[in-house]
PDB file of N, CA and C in Angstrom:
ATOM      1  N   MET A   1      -3.939  22.722  -9.287  1.00  0.00           N
ATOM      2  CA  MET A   1      -2.616  22.267  -9.795  1.00  0.00           C
ATOM      3  C   MET A   1      -2.338  22.298  -8.524  1.00  0.00           C
ATOM      4  N   ASN A   2      -2.381  22.536  -7.781  1.00  0.00           N
ATOM      5  CA  ASN A   2      -1.705  22.929  -6.267  1.00  0.00           C
ATOM      6  C   ASN A   2      -2.189  21.676  -5.384  1.00  0.00           C
ATOM      7  N   ASP A   3      -3.245  21.238  -5.599  1.00  0.00           N
ATOM      8  CA  ASP A   3      -3.906  19.353  -4.693  1.00  0.00           C
ATOM      9  C   ASP A   3      -3.542  18.722  -5.781  1.00  0.00           C
ATOM     10  N   ALA A   4      -3.228  18.579  -6.746  1.00  0.00           N
ATOM     11  CA  ALA A   4      -2.650  17.493  -6.806  1.00  0.00           C
ATOM     12  C   ALA A   4      -0.610  16.885  -6.680  1.00  0.00           C
ATOM     13  N   PHE A   5      -0.422  18.478  -6.737  1.00  0.00           N
ATOM     14  CA  PHE A   5       0.345  18.264  -6.020  1.00  0.00           C
ATOM     15  C   PHE A   5       0.894  17.368  -4.521  1.00  0.00           C
ATOM     16  N   LYS A   6       0.107  17.957  -3.777  1.00  0.00           N
ATOM     17  CA  LYS A   6      -0.087  17.899  -2.157  1.00  0.00           C
ATOM     18  C   LYS A   6       0.087  16.124  -2.702  1.00  0.00           C
ATOM     19  N   ALA A   7      -1.607  15.744  -3.179  1.00  0.00           N
ATOM     20  CA  ALA A   7      -1.777  14.300  -3.021  1.00  0.00           C
ATOM     21  C   ALA A   7      -0.093  13.709  -4.013  1.00  0.00           C
ATOM     22  N   LEU A   8      -0.151  14.038  -5.054  1.00  0.00           N
ATOM     23  CA  LEU A   8       1.484  13.201  -4.895  1.00  0.00           C
ATOM     24  C   LEU A   8       2.419  13.149  -3.613  1.00  0.00           C
ATOM     25  N   ALA A   9       2.603  13.722  -3.229  1.00  0.00           N
ATOM     26  CA  ALA A   9       4.125  14.507  -2.019  1.00  0.00           C
ATOM     27  C   ALA A   9       3.162  12.916  -1.177  1.00  0.00           C
ATOM     28  N   ASP A  10       2.222  12.290  -0.991  1.00  0.00           N
ATOM     29  CA  ASP A  10       2.167  10.981   0.104  1.00  0.00           C
ATOM     30  C   ASP A  10       2.427   9.811  -1.202  1.00  0.00           C
ATOM     31  N   PRO A  11       3.192   8.596  -0.148  1.00  0.00           N
ATOM     32  CA  PRO A  11       3.733   7.257  -0.896  1.00  0.00           C
ATOM     33  C   PRO A  11       2.720   6.755  -0.689  1.00  0.00           C
ATOM     34  N   THR A  12       1.695   6.670  -0.476  1.00  0.00           N
ATOM     35  CA  THR A  12       0.795   5.608  -0.159  1.00  0.00           C
ATOM     36  C   THR A  12      -0.730   6.246  -1.539  1.00  0.00           C
ATOM     37  N   ARG A  13      -0.932   7.225  -1.817  1.00  0.00           N
ATOM     38  CA  ARG A  13      -1.842   7.923  -2.269  1.00  0.00           C
ATOM     39  C   ARG A  13      -0.596   7.468  -3.455  1.00  0.00           C
ATOM     40  N   ARG A  14       0.597   7.858  -4.332  1.00  0.00           N
ATOM     41  CA  ARG A  14       1.481   7.449  -5.196  1.00  0.00           C
ATOM     42  C   ARG A  14       0.927   6.475  -6.097  1.00  0.00           C
ATOM     43  N   LYS A  15       1.457   5.112  -5.113  1.00  0.00           N
ATOM     44  CA  LYS A  15       1.275   3.260  -5.279  1.00  0.00           C
ATOM     45  C   LYS A  15      -0.562   3.452  -5.598  1.00  0.00           C
ATOM     46  N   ILE A  16      -1.173   4.016  -4.772  1.00  0.00           N
ATOM     47  CA  ILE A  16      -3.017   4.219  -5.394  1.00  0.00           C
ATOM     48  C   ILE A  16      -2.771   3.783  -6.420  1.00  0.00           C
ATOM     49  N   LEU A  17      -1.920   5.939  -6.726  1.00  0.00           N
ATOM     50  CA  LEU A  17      -2.395   5.868  -8.452  1.00  0.00           C
ATOM     51  C   LEU A  17      -1.795   5.118  -9.553  1.00  0.00           C
ATOM     52  N   GLN A  18      -0.986   3.717  -9.011  1.00  0.00           N
ATOM     53  CA  GLN A  18       0.418   2.807  -9.989  1.00  0.00           C
ATOM     54  C   GLN A  18      -0.983   1.675  -9.691  1.00  0.00           C
ATOM     55  N   LEU A  19      -1.604   1.795  -8.589  1.00  0.00           N
ATOM     56  CA  LEU A  19      -2.945   0.785  -8.764  1.00  0.00           C
ATOM     57  C   LEU A  19      -3.689   0.440  -9.349  1.00  0.00           C
ATOM     58  N   LEU A  20      -3.819   2.452  -9.772  1.00  0.00           N
ATOM     59  CA  LEU A  20      -5.598   2.395 -11.224  1.00  0.00           C
ATOM     60  C   LEU A  20      -4.612   2.801 -11.802  1.00  0.00           C
ATOM     61  N   LYS A  21      -3.366   2.556 -12.160  1.00  0.00           N
ATOM     62  CA  LYS A  21      -3.064   2.936 -13.824  1.00  0.00           C
ATOM     63  C   LYS A  21      -3.924   0.999 -14.798  1.00  0.00           C
ATOM     64  N   GLU A  22      -3.240   0.441 -13.798  1.00  0.00           N
ATOM     65  CA  GLU A  22      -2.976  -1.276 -14.428  1.00  0.00           C
ATOM     66  C   GLU A  22      -4.831  -0.982 -13.985  1.00  0.00           C
ATOM     67  N   LYS A  23      -5.707  -0.488 -13.707  1.00  0.00           N
ATOM     68  CA  LYS A  23      -7.480  -1.067 -14.251  1.00  0.00           C
ATOM     69  C   LYS A  23      -7.703  -0.202 -12.610  1.00  0.00           C
ATOM     70  N   SER A  24      -9.417  -0.232 -12.861  1.00  0.00           N
ATOM     71  CA  SER A  24     -10.359   0.177 -11.982  1.00  0.00           C
ATOM     72  C   SER A  24     -10.825  -0.644 -11.040  1.00  0.00           C
ATOM     73  N   MET A  25     -10.524   0.532  -9.622  1.00  0.00           N
ATOM     74  CA  MET A  25     -10.857  -0.594  -8.449  1.00  0.00           C
ATOM     75  C   MET A  25     -11.937  -0.115  -7.279  1.00  0.00           C
ATOM     76  N   SER A  26     -12.609  -0.142  -6.479  1.00  0.00           N
ATOM     77  CA  SER A  26     -13.152  -0.469  -5.720  1.00  0.00           C
ATOM     78  C   SER A  26     -12.150  -0.037  -4.360  1.00  0.00           C
ATOM     79  N   ALA A  27     -12.485   0.837  -3.433  1.00  0.00           N
ATOM     80  CA  ALA A  27     -11.804   1.043  -1.962  1.00  0.00           C
ATOM     81  C   ALA A  27     -11.378  -0.213  -1.387  1.00  0.00           C
ATOM     82  N   GLY A  28     -12.215  -1.412  -1.603  1.00  0.00           N
ATOM     83  CA  GLY A  28     -11.880  -2.477  -0.541  1.00  0.00           C
ATOM     84  C   GLY A  28     -11.255  -2.797  -1.659  1.00  0.00           C
ATOM     85  N   ASP A  29     -10.711  -3.274  -3.012  1.00  0.00           N
ATOM     86  CA  ASP A  29      -9.540  -3.592  -3.766  1.00  0.00           C
ATOM     87  C   ASP A  29      -8.558  -3.232  -3.313  1.00  0.00           C
ATOM     88  N   VAL A  30      -7.942  -1.464  -3.881  1.00  0.00           N
ATOM     89  CA  VAL A  30      -7.244  -0.933  -3.081  1.00  0.00           C
ATOM     90  C   VAL A  30      -6.567  -1.992  -1.601  1.00  0.00           C
ATOM     91  N   ALA A  31      -7.556  -1.504  -0.989  1.00  0.00           N
ATOM     92  CA  ALA A  31      -7.347  -1.142   0.403  1.00  0.00           C
ATOM     93  C   ALA A  31      -6.065  -2.693   0.741  1.00  0.00           C
ATOM     94  N   GLU A  32      -6.971  -3.985  -0.273  1.00  0.00           N
ATOM     95  CA  GLU A  32      -6.115  -5.233  -0.405  1.00  0.00           C
ATOM     96  C   GLU A  32      -4.745  -5.426   0.126  1.00  0.00           C
ATOM     97  N   HIS A  33      -4.448  -4.023  -0.537  1.00  0.00           N
ATOM     98  CA  HIS A  33      -2.533  -3.639  -1.564  1.00  0.00           C
ATOM     99  C   HIS A  33      -1.917  -3.332  -0.087  1.00  0.00           C
ATOM    100  N   PHE A  34      -2.642  -2.713   1.039  1.00  0.00           N
ATOM    101  CA  PHE A  34      -2.638  -1.967   1.417  1.00  0.00           C
ATOM    102  C   PHE A  34      -1.908  -3.061   3.248  1.00  0.00           C
ATOM    103  N   GLN A  35      -1.311  -2.062   4.064  1.00  0.00           N
ATOM    104  CA  GLN A  35      -1.788  -2.139   5.509  1.00  0.00           C
ATOM    105  C   GLN A  35      -2.393  -2.080   6.604  1.00  0.00           C
ATOM    106  N   ILE A  36      -3.015  -0.694   6.111  1.00  0.00           N
ATOM    107  CA  ILE A  36      -3.359   0.304   6.853  1.00  0.00           C
ATOM    108  C   ILE A  36      -5.302   0.022   6.937  1.00  0.00           C
ATOM    109  N   SER A  37      -6.440   0.921   7.185  1.00  0.00           N
ATOM    110  CA  SER A  37      -7.308   0.736   7.240  1.00  0.00           C
ATOM    111  C   SER A  37      -8.149   1.190   5.899  1.00  0.00           C
ATOM    112  N   LYS A  38      -9.077   0.380   5.865  1.00  0.00           N
ATOM    113  CA  LYS A  38      -9.887   0.555   4.741  1.00  0.00           C
ATOM    114  C   LYS A  38     -10.430   2.315   4.803  1.00  0.00           C
ATOM    115  N   PRO A  39     -11.171   2.521   5.763  1.00  0.00           N
ATOM    116  CA  PRO A  39     -11.484   4.441   6.724  1.00  0.00           C
ATOM    117  C   PRO A  39     -10.389   5.070   6.132  1.00  0.00           C
ATOM    118  N   SER A  40      -8.683   4.629   5.945  1.00  0.00           N
ATOM    119  CA  SER A  40      -7.696   5.648   5.672  1.00  0.00           C
ATOM    120  C   SER A  40      -8.131   5.263   4.462  1.00  0.00           C
ATOM    121  N   ILE A  41      -8.090   3.992   3.250  1.00  0.00           N
ATOM    122  CA  ILE A  41      -8.415   4.020   2.111  1.00  0.00           C
ATOM    123  C   ILE A  41      -8.550   5.300   1.913  1.00  0.00           C
ATOM    124  N   SER A  42      -9.835   5.360   2.571  1.00  0.00           N
ATOM    125  CA  SER A  42     -10.923   5.907   1.921  1.00  0.00           C
ATOM    126  C   SER A  42     -10.340   7.522   1.351  1.00  0.00           C
ATOM    127  N   HIS A  43      -9.796   7.988   2.438  1.00  0.00           N
ATOM    128  CA  HIS A  43      -9.468   9.051   3.010  1.00  0.00           C
ATOM    129  C   HIS A  43      -8.170   9.582   2.351  1.00  0.00           C
ATOM    130  N   HIS A  44      -7.602   8.647   1.601  1.00  0.00           N
ATOM    131  CA  HIS A  44      -6.380   8.682   0.684  1.00  0.00           C
ATOM    132  C   HIS A  44      -7.132   9.195  -0.575  1.00  0.00           C
ATOM    133  N   LEU A  45      -8.175   8.333  -1.344  1.00  0.00           N
ATOM    134  CA  LEU A  45      -9.290   8.161  -2.907  1.00  0.00           C
ATOM    135  C   LEU A  45      -9.735   9.187  -2.365  1.00  0.00           C
ATOM    136  N   ASN A  46     -10.224  10.248  -1.745  1.00  0.00           N
ATOM    137  CA  ASN A  46     -11.148  11.338  -1.467  1.00  0.00           C
ATOM    138  C   ASN A  46     -10.127  12.038  -1.818  1.00  0.00           C
ATOM    139  N   LEU A  47      -9.304  12.234  -1.143  1.00  0.00           N
ATOM    140  CA  LEU A  47      -7.988  13.267  -1.544  1.00  0.00           C
ATOM    141  C   LEU A  47      -7.738  13.522  -3.310  1.00  0.00           C
ATOM    142  N   LEU A  48      -7.466  11.687  -3.746  1.00  0.00           N
ATOM    143  CA  LEU A  48      -6.583  11.853  -5.023  1.00  0.00           C
ATOM    144  C   LEU A  48      -8.480  12.086  -5.419  1.00  0.00           C
ATOM    145  N   LYS A  49      -9.825  12.181  -5.697  1.00  0.00           N
ATOM    146  CA  LYS A  49     -10.801  12.703  -6.602  1.00  0.00           C
ATOM    147  C   LYS A  49     -10.480  14.176  -6.189  1.00  0.00           C
ATOM    148  N   GLN A  50     -10.295  14.459  -5.212  1.00  0.00           N
ATOM    149  CA  GLN A  50     -10.471  16.469  -4.676  1.00  0.00           C
ATOM    150  C   GLN A  50      -9.353  17.289  -5.583  1.00  0.00           C
ATOM    151  N   ALA A  51      -8.473  16.261  -6.038  1.00  0.00           N
ATOM    152  CA  ALA A  51      -6.684  17.038  -6.352  1.00  0.00           C
ATOM    153  C   ALA A  51      -6.760  16.779  -8.099  1.00  0.00           C
ATOM    154  N   GLY A  52      -8.806  15.410  -8.208  1.00  0.00           N
ATOM    155  CA  GLY A  52      -9.273  15.163  -9.485  1.00  0.00           C
ATOM    156  C   GLY A  52      -8.363  14.298 -10.068  1.00  0.00           C
ATOM    157  N   LEU A  53      -7.059  13.994  -9.122  1.00  0.00           N
ATOM    158  CA  LEU A  53      -6.336  12.796 -10.252  1.00  0.00           C
ATOM    159  C   LEU A  53      -6.777  11.240 -10.435  1.00  0.00           C
ATOM    160  N   VAL A  54      -8.164  11.308  -9.665  1.00  0.00           N
ATOM    161  CA  VAL A  54      -9.071  10.018  -9.919  1.00  0.00           C
ATOM    162  C   VAL A  54     -10.617  10.185  -9.713  1.00  0.00           C
ATOM    163  N   LEU A  55     -11.242   9.476 -10.741  1.00  0.00           N
ATOM    164  CA  LEU A  55     -12.751   9.492 -10.794  1.00  0.00           C
ATOM    165  C   LEU A  55     -12.892   8.677 -10.234  1.00  0.00           C
ATOM    166  N   ASP A  56     -14.224   8.475  -9.666  1.00  0.00           N
ATOM    167  CA  ASP A  56     -15.199   7.719  -9.341  1.00  0.00           C
ATOM    168  C   ASP A  56     -16.768   7.516  -9.665  1.00  0.00           C
ATOM    169  N   GLU A  57     -17.237   6.297  -9.964  1.00  0.00           N
ATOM    170  CA  GLU A  57     -18.562   5.970 -10.586  1.00  0.00           C
ATOM    171  C   GLU A  57     -19.113   4.932  -9.731  1.00  0.00           C
ATOM    172  N   ARG A  58     -20.126   5.380  -9.620  1.00  0.00           N
ATOM    173  CA  ARG A  58     -21.122   3.857  -8.385  1.00  0.00           C
ATOM    174  C   ARG A  58     -21.801   3.129  -9.454  1.00  0.00           C
ATOM    175  N   GLN A  59     -21.145   1.640  -9.093  1.00  0.00           N
ATOM    176  CA  GLN A  59     -21.457   0.563  -9.544  1.00  0.00           C
ATOM    177  C   GLN A  59     -22.637  -0.431  -8.423  1.00  0.00           C
ATOM    178  N   GLY A  60     -23.894  -0.455  -8.287  1.00  0.00           N
ATOM    179  CA  GLY A  60     -24.630  -0.942  -7.368  1.00  0.00           C
ATOM    180  C   GLY A  60     -23.531  -0.427  -6.690  1.00  0.00           C
ATOM    181  N   GLN A  61     -23.939  -1.064  -4.944  1.00  0.00           N
ATOM    182  CA  GLN A  61     -23.229  -0.891  -4.183  1.00  0.00           C
ATOM    183  C   GLN A  61     -22.098  -0.233  -4.368  1.00  0.00           C
ATOM    184  N   SER A  62     -21.309  -0.569  -5.272  1.00  0.00           N
ATOM    185  CA  SER A  62     -19.622   0.135  -4.977  1.00  0.00           C
ATOM    186  C   SER A  62     -18.823   1.343  -5.474  1.00  0.00           C
ATOM    187  N   ILE A  63     -18.180   1.696  -4.854  1.00  0.00           N
ATOM    188  CA  ILE A  63     -18.303   3.075  -5.699  1.00  0.00           C
ATOM    189  C   ILE A  63     -16.443   2.389  -6.460  1.00  0.00           C
ATOM    190  N   ILE A  64     -16.650   2.758  -7.915  1.00  0.00           N
ATOM    191  CA  ILE A  64     -15.342   2.190  -8.445  1.00  0.00           C
ATOM    192  C   ILE A  64     -14.293   3.778  -9.137  1.00  0.00           C
ATOM    193  N   TYR A  65     -12.748   3.168  -8.340  1.00  0.00           N
ATOM    194  CA  TYR A  65     -12.214   4.642  -9.155  1.00  0.00           C
ATOM    195  C   TYR A  65     -11.514   4.703 -10.466  1.00  0.00           C
ATOM    196  N   THR A  66     -10.942   4.811 -10.558  1.00  0.00           N
ATOM    197  CA  THR A  66     -10.534   4.640 -11.917  1.00  0.00           C
ATOM    198  C   THR A  66      -9.331   6.192 -11.808  1.00  0.00           C
ATOM    199  N   LEU A  67      -7.984   6.071 -12.953  1.00  0.00           N
ATOM    200  CA  LEU A  67      -7.000   7.095 -12.964  1.00  0.00           C
ATOM    201  C   LEU A  67      -7.698   8.001 -13.770  1.00  0.00           C
ATOM    202  N   HIS A  68      -7.718   9.239 -13.869  1.00  0.00           N
ATOM    203  CA  HIS A  68      -8.058  10.293 -14.667  1.00  0.00           C
ATOM    204  C   HIS A  68      -6.792  10.577 -14.863  1.00  0.00           C
ATOM    205  N   THR A  69      -6.612  10.404 -16.251  1.00  0.00           N
ATOM    206  CA  THR A  69      -5.606  10.436 -17.280  1.00  0.00           C
ATOM    207  C   THR A  69      -5.022  11.948 -17.444  1.00  0.00           C
ATOM    208  N   THR A  70      -5.859  12.834 -18.005  1.00  0.00           N
ATOM    209  CA  THR A  70      -6.101  13.640 -18.380  1.00  0.00           C
ATOM    210  C   THR A  70      -5.487  14.610 -17.944  1.00  0.00           C
ATOM    211  N   VAL A  71      -5.281  14.323 -16.310  1.00  0.00           N
ATOM    212  CA  VAL A  71      -4.716  15.649 -15.216  1.00  0.00           C
ATOM    213  C   VAL A  71      -3.571  14.888 -14.188  1.00  0.00           C
ATOM    214  N   VAL A  72      -3.509  13.516 -15.307  1.00  0.00           N
ATOM    215  CA  VAL A  72      -2.232  13.166 -14.462  1.00  0.00           C
ATOM    216  C   VAL A  72      -0.618  13.761 -15.778  1.00  0.00           C
ATOM    217  N   ALA A  73      -1.769  14.219 -17.309  1.00  0.00           N
ATOM    218  CA  ALA A  73      -0.896  14.155 -18.335  1.00  0.00           C
ATOM    219  C   ALA A  73      -0.104  15.233 -18.224  1.00  0.00           C
ATOM    220  N   ASP A  74      -1.485  16.647 -18.012  1.00  0.00           N
ATOM    221  CA  ASP A  74      -1.807  17.889 -17.393  1.00  0.00           C
ATOM    222  C   ASP A  74      -0.598  18.483 -16.424  1.00  0.00           C
ATOM    223  N   VAL A  75      -0.314  17.477 -15.497  1.00  0.00           N
ATOM    224  CA  VAL A  75       1.103  17.741 -13.731  1.00  0.00           C
ATOM    225  C   VAL A  75       1.908  17.518 -14.826  1.00  0.00           C
ATOM    226  N   ILE A  76       2.354  15.715 -15.488  1.00  0.00           N
ATOM    227  CA  ILE A  76       3.126  15.708 -15.874  1.00  0.00           C
ATOM    228  C   ILE A  76       3.767  16.143 -17.391  1.00  0.00           C
ATOM    229  N   GLY A  77       3.055  17.290 -18.202  1.00  0.00           N
ATOM    230  CA  GLY A  77       2.738  17.964 -19.042  1.00  0.00           C
ATOM    231  C   GLY A  77       4.012  19.371 -18.258  1.00  0.00           C
ATOM    232  N   TRP A  78       3.046  20.101 -16.926  1.00  0.00           N
ATOM    233  CA  TRP A  78       3.884  20.749 -17.110  1.00  0.00           C
ATOM    234  C   TRP A  78       5.230  20.609 -16.252  1.00  0.00           C
ATOM    235  N   MET A  79       5.595  19.265 -15.440  1.00  0.00           N
ATOM    236  CA  MET A  79       6.381  19.015 -15.213  1.00  0.00           C
ATOM    237  C   MET A  79       7.731  18.775 -15.473  1.00  0.00           C
ATOM    238  N   PHE A  80       7.732  19.175 -17.033  1.00  0.00           N
ATOM    239  CA  PHE A  80       8.425  18.323 -18.307  1.00  0.00           C
ATOM    240  C   PHE A  80       8.747  19.983 -19.035  1.00  0.00           C
ATOM    241  N   SER A  81       7.546  20.193 -19.537  1.00  0.00           N
ATOM    242  CA  SER A  81       7.766  21.838 -19.345  1.00  0.00           C
ATOM    243  C   SER A  81       9.046  22.685 -18.811  1.00  0.00           C
ATOM    244  N   ILE A  82       9.250  22.262 -17.366  1.00  0.00           N
ATOM    245  CA  ILE A  82       9.727  23.215 -16.708  1.00  0.00           C
ATOM    246  C   ILE A  82      11.302  22.969 -17.278  1.00  0.00           C
ATOM    247  N   VAL A  83      11.572  20.894 -16.979  1.00  0.00           N
ATOM    248  CA  VAL A  83      13.098  20.632 -17.016  1.00  0.00           C
ATOM    249  C   VAL A  83      13.491  20.976 -18.468  1.00  0.00           C
ATOM    250  N   HIS A  84      12.479  21.110 -20.045  1.00  0.00           N
ATOM    251  CA  HIS A  84      12.779  21.002 -20.943  1.00  0.00           C
ATOM    252  C   HIS A  84      13.084  22.977 -21.480  1.00  0.00           C
ATOM    253  N   SER A  85      12.758  23.849 -20.377  1.00  0.00           N
ATOM    254  CA  SER A  85      12.619  25.221 -20.915  1.00  0.00           C
ATOM    255  C   SER A  85      14.248  25.283 -21.009  1.00  0.00           C
ATOM    256  N   ASP A  86      14.417  26.430 -22.338  1.00  0.00           N
ATOM    257  CA  ASP A  86      15.554  27.441 -22.549  1.00  0.00           C
ATOM    258  C   ASP A  86      16.324  27.814 -21.419  1.00  0.00           C
ATOM    259  N   ALA A  87      15.434  28.082 -20.227  1.00  0.00           N
ATOM    260  CA  ALA A  87      16.313  28.917 -19.239  1.00  0.00           C
ATOM    261  C   ALA A  87      17.553  27.852 -18.711  1.00  0.00           C
ATOM    262  N   PRO A  88      18.624  28.283 -17.911  1.00  0.00           N
ATOM    263  CA  PRO A  88      20.249  27.276 -17.786  1.00  0.00           C
ATOM    264  C   PRO A  88      19.416  26.422 -16.493  1.00  0.00           C
ATOM    265  N   VAL A  89      19.381  25.732 -16.365  1.00  0.00           N
ATOM    266  CA  VAL A  89      19.398  24.587 -14.567  1.00  0.00           C
ATOM    267  C   VAL A  89      20.947  23.932 -14.259  1.00  0.00           C
ATOM    268  N   LYS A  90      20.088  24.397 -13.055  1.00  0.00           N
ATOM    269  CA  LYS A  90      21.881  23.820 -12.233  1.00  0.00           C
ATOM    270  C   LYS A  90      20.765  23.221 -11.766  1.00  0.00           C
ATOM    271  N   LYS A  91      22.081  21.797 -11.837  1.00  0.00           N
ATOM    272  CA  LYS A  91      21.300  20.211 -11.326  1.00  0.00           C
ATOM    273  C   LYS A  91      21.362  19.708  -9.623  1.00  0.00           C
ATOM    274  N   HIS A  92      22.292  20.572  -9.081  1.00  0.00           N
ATOM    275  CA  HIS A  92      22.269  20.601  -7.559  1.00  0.00           C
ATOM    276  C   HIS A  92      22.919  21.586  -7.379  1.00  0.00           C
ATOM    277  N   SER A  93      22.827  21.962  -5.633  1.00  0.00           N
ATOM    278  CA  SER A  93      22.977  23.337  -5.048  1.00  0.00           C
ATOM    279  C   SER A  93      24.306  23.451  -4.540  1.00  0.00           C
ATOM    280  N   ASN A  94      25.155  22.355  -4.953  1.00  0.00           N
ATOM    281  CA  ASN A  94      27.247  22.652  -4.938  1.00  0.00           C
ATOM    282  C   ASN A  94      27.408  23.275  -5.844  1.00  0.00           C
ATOM    283  N   ASP A  95      26.884  23.356  -7.102  1.00  0.00           N
ATOM    284  CA  ASP A  95      26.761  24.100  -8.473  1.00  0.00           C
ATOM    285  C   ASP A  95      27.425  24.928  -8.079  1.00  0.00           C
ATOM    286  N   ILE A  96      26.095  25.594  -7.856  1.00  0.00           N
ATOM    287  CA  ILE A  96      26.193  27.139  -7.440  1.00  0.00           C
ATOM    288  C   ILE A  96      27.186  27.997  -6.313  1.00  0.00           C
ATOM    289  N   LYS A  97      27.323  26.933  -5.449  1.00  0.00           N
ATOM    290  CA  LYS A  97      28.671  26.874  -4.048  1.00  0.00           C
ATOM    291  C   LYS A  97      30.056  27.496  -4.937  1.00  0.00           C
ATOM    292  N   ASP A  98      30.321  25.865  -5.596  1.00  0.00           N
ATOM    293  CA  ASP A  98      30.862  25.837  -7.054  1.00  0.00           C
ATOM    294  C   ASP A  98      31.386  27.053  -7.951  1.00  0.00           C
ATOM    295  N   THR A  99      30.304  27.680  -8.735  1.00  0.00           N
ATOM    296  CA  THR A  99      30.928  28.650  -9.315  1.00  0.00           C
ATOM    297  C   THR A  99      30.602  30.365  -8.681  1.00  0.00           C
ATOM    298  N   GLU A 100      30.222  30.095  -6.887  1.00  0.00           N
ATOM    299  CA  GLU A 100      30.900  31.671  -6.923  1.00  0.00           C
ATOM    300  C   GLU A 100      31.661  31.601  -5.844  1.00  0.00           C
ATOM    301  N   GLU A 101      32.120  30.250  -5.954  1.00  0.00           N
ATOM    302  CA  GLU A 101      34.607  29.787  -5.110  1.00  0.00           C
ATOM    303  C   GLU A 101      34.770  30.763  -6.639  1.00  0.00           C
ATOM    304  N   SER A 102      34.189  29.930  -7.451  1.00  0.00           N
ATOM    305  CA  SER A 102      35.408  29.719  -8.713  1.00  0.00           C
ATOM    306  C   SER A 102      35.514  31.603  -9.152  1.00  0.00           C
ATOM    307  N   GLU A 103      34.368  32.804  -8.894  1.00  0.00           N
ATOM    308  CA  GLU A 103      34.902  34.128  -8.959  1.00  0.00           C
ATOM    309  C   GLU A 103      34.977  34.521  -8.900  1.00  0.00           C
TER     310      GLU A 103
END
């Protein structure tokens, strides 16, 4: 799961995932939505693939990338489990300071 979080840390990769949510695409189709080089897009897609967030399938001369919804759902589920745990949660670092000062 660490690879998934590393992959999600980059805004370009997050936008790629949003595009793939709509439909499966080739690297060239994805690249049309960005003003960066095609090799950079391929690098981002490879990192997303290594993290398990996208799947690829060769179709003739092209490789088609698809959002791997199972892994994305696992990551989201893990995040929600933290937010909705029974443990008390401080919402802001200022909450800690305010509590310490009032004691």
